[in-house]
Amino acid sequence: MKQLLIVLTLILTLSCCKDDDVTPINPIDQLPPATQIGANTFGCLLDGKAFLPDNSSNSYNCFYQFVSNEFYFTVRASNRDENLNSYSLAIKTEQKQIFEGETYPLVNNIPTKAYGSYSLVSMFSYTNLINTGELTITELDLTNQIVSGTFWYDIKDHNDVVHHIREGRFDMHYTQ
């Protein structure tokens, strides 16, 4: 009886142990918070899995520039998968000024429009009239050069696979 009590106590004690180093199971919990302070963060769900920039140099960047009387905006992040394939996601505008509080449809890769891109290695794909999305600028601080926003889009890659980018958020210092 005494041995049974010891075994049960041991089982109960071990079952109560908790591993604090466990990565969250829910992929959305792995994304950075949606802030507006210039935290230099980017994250989204790519086909239901957390997509974050890796720690390599130039794994993310952001710019908002006024060139030849036109505005150009880009926020981009890249990462490598377990096979070391390089993935990149970006949201861009060409010849289009952005404004805080505005939502832009992500459609064609043409001047005056906003669009999303996806690349695997060097094969680029862009949103279009069929596979679209949205970008919302939640913060645009021209003095401190901070831009924050949320986004989602669908995009078909060069193998005709449609990828779903969801719960996207960024909070970046931009260069001019």
Protein backbone atom coordinates (compact mmCIF):
# COMPACT_ATOMS: atom_id res chain seq x y z
CA MET A 1 0.00 0.00 0.00
CA LYS A 2 2.83 2.34 0.88
CA GLN A 3 4.48 1.72 -2.51
CA LEU A 4 1.20 2.44 -4.32
CA LEU A 5 0.89 5.72 -2.46
CA ILE A 6 4.45 6.69 -3.41
CA VAL A 7 3.86 5.81 -7.08
CA LEU A 8 0.61 7.80 -7.18
CA THR A 9 2.28 10.79 -5.52
CA LEU A 10 5.13 10.63 -8.02
CA ILE A 11 2.73 10.45 -10.99
CA LEU A 12 0.69 13.36 -9.67
CA THR A 13 3.81 15.44 -9.07
CA LEU A 14 5.24 14.78 -12.53
CA SER A 15 1.92 15.46 -14.25
CA CYS A 16 1.83 18.92 -12.67
CA CYS A 17 5.22 19.90 -14.07
CA LYS A 18 5.09 22.59 -16.72
CA ASP A 19 7.63 23.33 -19.46
CA ASP A 20 7.93 27.13 -19.71
CA ASP A 21 9.90 26.93 -22.96
CA VAL A 22 7.03 25.55 -25.04
CA THR A 23 6.27 27.58 -28.18
CA PRO A 24 2.61 28.64 -28.38
CA ILE A 25 0.55 26.12 -30.30
CA ASN A 26 -1.72 28.73 -31.90
CA PRO A 27 0.25 30.34 -34.79
CA ILE A 28 -1.42 33.72 -34.27
CA ASP A 29 0.13 33.84 -30.78
CA GLN A 30 3.56 33.77 -32.44
CA LEU A 31 2.93 37.05 -34.29
CA PRO A 32 4.16 40.37 -32.90
CA PRO A 33 1.54 42.61 -31.30
CA ALA A 34 -0.14 45.19 -33.54
CA THR A 35 1.66 48.29 -32.25
CA GLN A 36 2.11 51.80 -33.62
CA ILE A 37 5.36 52.91 -32.03
CA GLY A 38 8.00 52.06 -34.65
CA ALA A 39 8.88 48.70 -33.07
CA ASN A 40 10.26 47.38 -36.41
CA THR A 41 8.03 44.32 -36.40
CA PHE A 42 6.35 42.38 -39.20
CA GLY A 43 4.30 39.23 -39.02
CA CYS A 44 1.39 37.38 -40.60
CA LEU A 45 -0.05 33.94 -41.14
CA LEU A 46 1.08 32.38 -44.40
CA ASP A 47 -1.24 29.48 -45.16
CA GLY A 48 -2.07 29.24 -41.46
CA LYS A 49 1.55 29.23 -40.23
CA ALA A 50 3.36 32.12 -38.56
CA PHE A 51 5.57 34.06 -40.99
CA LEU A 52 8.16 36.31 -39.34
CA PRO A 53 11.37 37.80 -40.68
CA ASP A 54 14.42 35.73 -39.80
CA ASN A 55 17.53 37.12 -38.13
CA SER A 56 19.58 37.54 -41.30
CA SER A 57 20.68 40.96 -42.49
CA ASN A 58 18.06 42.72 -44.59
CA SER A 59 15.32 40.29 -43.53
CA TYR A 60 12.90 43.23 -43.42
CA ASN A 61 12.75 46.79 -44.67
CA CYS A 62 10.36 49.65 -45.17
CA PHE A 63 10.48 52.83 -47.15
CA TYR A 64 8.16 55.67 -48.05
CA GLN A 65 9.75 57.94 -50.61
CA PHE A 66 8.84 60.95 -52.68
CA VAL A 67 10.65 60.56 -56.02
CA SER A 68 10.01 62.58 -59.20
CA ASN A 69 6.84 64.09 -57.70
CA GLU A 70 5.42 60.63 -56.85
CA PHE A 71 5.15 58.59 -53.65
CA TYR A 72 6.42 55.01 -53.33
CA PHE A 73 5.79 52.75 -50.33
CA THR A 74 7.15 49.26 -49.56
CA VAL A 75 7.18 47.06 -46.50
CA ARG A 76 8.88 43.69 -47.00
CA ALA A 77 9.98 40.72 -44.89
CA SER A 78 11.82 37.51 -45.76
CA ASN A 79 12.53 34.21 -44.12
CA ARG A 80 14.01 30.81 -44.92
CA ASP A 81 12.23 27.50 -44.46
CA GLU A 82 13.77 24.28 -43.12
CA ASN A 83 15.18 23.58 -46.62
CA LEU A 84 16.80 27.06 -46.67
CA ASN A 85 14.46 28.27 -49.42
CA SER A 86 14.06 32.05 -49.19
CA TYR A 87 10.49 33.37 -48.95
CA SER A 88 9.54 37.03 -49.14
CA LEU A 89 6.26 38.90 -48.66
CA ALA A 90 5.75 42.56 -49.48
CA ILE A 91 3.08 45.22 -49.75
CA LYS A 92 3.77 48.09 -52.12
CA THR A 93 2.38 51.19 -53.77
CA GLU A 94 3.82 52.97 -56.77
CA GLN A 95 2.99 56.56 -57.62
CA LYS A 96 0.48 56.62 -54.78
CA GLN A 97 0.44 58.61 -51.57
CA ILE A 98 -0.75 56.76 -48.45
CA PHE A 99 -2.77 58.21 -45.58
CA GLU A 100 -3.37 57.18 -41.98
CA GLY A 101 -6.77 55.56 -41.48
CA GLU A 102 -7.18 54.61 -45.14
CA THR A 103 -7.70 51.11 -46.52
CA TYR A 104 -6.31 50.24 -49.95
CA PRO A 105 -7.31 47.28 -52.10
CA LEU A 106 -4.33 45.14 -53.04
CA VAL A 107 -4.81 44.48 -56.72
CA ASN A 108 -2.54 44.97 -59.74
CA ASN A 109 1.17 45.71 -59.85
CA ILE A 110 0.66 48.95 -61.82
CA PRO A 111 1.21 52.65 -61.05
CA THR A 112 -1.33 54.33 -58.73
CA LYS A 113 -2.39 50.97 -57.24
CA ALA A 114 -1.42 49.04 -54.11
CA TYR A 115 -0.46 45.39 -54.40
CA GLY A 116 0.96 42.45 -52.51
CA SER A 117 3.77 40.20 -53.59
CA TYR A 118 5.05 36.74 -52.73
CA SER A 119 8.35 35.26 -53.79
CA LEU A 120 9.99 31.90 -53.40
CA VAL A 121 13.68 32.14 -54.20
CA SER A 122 13.51 34.48 -57.25
CA MET A 123 10.04 33.63 -58.56
CA PHE A 124 7.78 36.64 -57.90
CA SER A 125 3.97 36.64 -57.86
CA TYR A 126 1.62 39.59 -57.42
CA THR A 127 -1.96 40.17 -56.38
CA ASN A 128 -4.39 40.78 -59.24
CA LEU A 129 -8.08 41.35 -59.88
CA ILE A 130 -8.87 37.73 -58.91
CA ASN A 131 -6.49 37.20 -55.99
CA THR A 132 -6.76 40.41 -53.98
CA GLY A 133 -6.47 41.72 -50.45
CA GLU A 134 -6.39 44.88 -48.36
CA LEU A 135 -3.87 47.13 -46.67
CA THR A 136 -4.94 49.48 -43.86
CA ILE A 137 -2.56 52.19 -42.66
CA THR A 138 -3.16 52.53 -38.92
CA GLU A 139 -0.34 54.99 -38.20
CA LEU A 140 1.63 57.36 -40.44
CA ASP A 141 3.94 59.62 -38.45
CA LEU A 142 5.83 61.74 -40.98
CA THR A 143 7.89 63.48 -38.28
CA ASN A 144 9.27 60.29 -36.68
CA GLN A 145 9.11 58.26 -39.92
CA ILE A 146 6.85 55.53 -38.52
CA VAL A 147 4.28 53.60 -40.52
CA SER A 148 2.09 50.85 -39.11
CA GLY A 149 -0.69 48.83 -40.65
CA THR A 150 -2.58 45.62 -41.12
CA PHE A 151 -3.02 43.54 -44.25
CA TRP A 152 -4.33 40.36 -45.78
CA TYR A 153 -4.22 38.97 -49.32
CA ASP A 154 -4.45 35.89 -51.50
CA ILE A 155 -1.83 35.29 -54.15
CA LYS A 156 -1.19 32.61 -56.75
CA ASP A 157 2.42 31.50 -57.09
CA HIS A 158 4.28 30.35 -60.22
CA ASN A 159 3.02 26.77 -59.60
CA ASP A 160 -0.63 27.96 -59.58
CA VAL A 161 -0.91 27.41 -55.81
CA VAL A 162 -3.00 30.07 -54.07
CA HIS A 163 -1.45 31.22 -50.78
CA HIS A 164 -3.51 32.89 -48.07
CA ILE A 165 -1.82 35.68 -46.12
CA ARG A 166 -3.89 36.61 -43.05
CA GLU A 167 -3.67 38.62 -39.81
CA GLY A 168 -0.77 40.67 -41.23
CA ARG A 169 0.63 43.51 -39.21
CA PHE A 170 3.69 45.73 -39.33
CA ASP A 171 5.08 48.60 -37.27
CA MET A 172 8.17 50.03 -38.92
CA HIS A 173 10.48 52.99 -39.08
CA TYR A 174 10.71 53.84 -42.76
CA THR A 175 13.53 55.37 -44.77
CA GLN A 176 12.98 58.16 -47.24
